[in-house]
């Protein structure tokens, strides 16, 4: 998801654990933990666990000789401040925070992503550079790929913030299945899938510019894994009474039908070279 090797081979063959630690998902995971755990009576635990996870990843980067990441440093500062605030504020303030912490965290992530692009340091770039030889760092395609991926993440965080706000402010229900869970988790899944898919598109574009031929990932390879998520969404809708029965069934049917149609269209389409 880092846009690594947008135009290049990676440096070395890191272990599976190393690849995980070197990806932006480590910086995002404390926020995901907060989103899953936050709620009435849980915000102290959510903030504490998120802070502990942030510190672990920060120490892991230092111990492995990696550079300090903007997202990792912000994680430690944000969750340390949140935990202190939760422990000090009165019950009224704590109740307010429990209601709106989801929107606060998502807007904070929007600001991190957008701000990193404004200062010409998209936050995924730091992760990508640790997986790519230094001589490729300033290639326009490599940098542009990380701008695109960071922009997609900013959009995902904004969608999550808007969905959460609608659920809390309009529906008065922070646990609404659609605004509290499906839309927000769906936005993150879309960003993750795009981040895995887009570097291949960039590599194919570079190959074409250099007179080489390299297959470009099809749009189907982006949409097919996303369409499969429609099945669990439909099941959740039925089990948790997220709407009329026909809606849950429609999601399940679409989750099986759309991937089949996409694969059929992909087989019928000519091979793309970027």
Foldseek 3Di string as FASTA:
>chain_A
DLLAPLAHAWDDDDDPVVLVLLACVLLCVLVVQLLVQQAVPGNLVSLVVSLVSLVVSQVVCVVVVADGAPSSVVSNVVSVVSNVCCVPDDPVVNNVCSLQVQLVSLVVLLCLQVVCVVVLHRRSLSSNPNTHDPVCSPPPLSSVLSNVLSVLSSVLSVQLNVLQCCCCPPVVHCVQCVSNPVSNVLSVVLSVLCNVQVSQQSNLVVCVVVVHFDFHDDVLSSVLVSLLVLLVVLVCCVVVVNDDNVSSVVSNVSNVPVNVVSVVVVVVDDTHSD
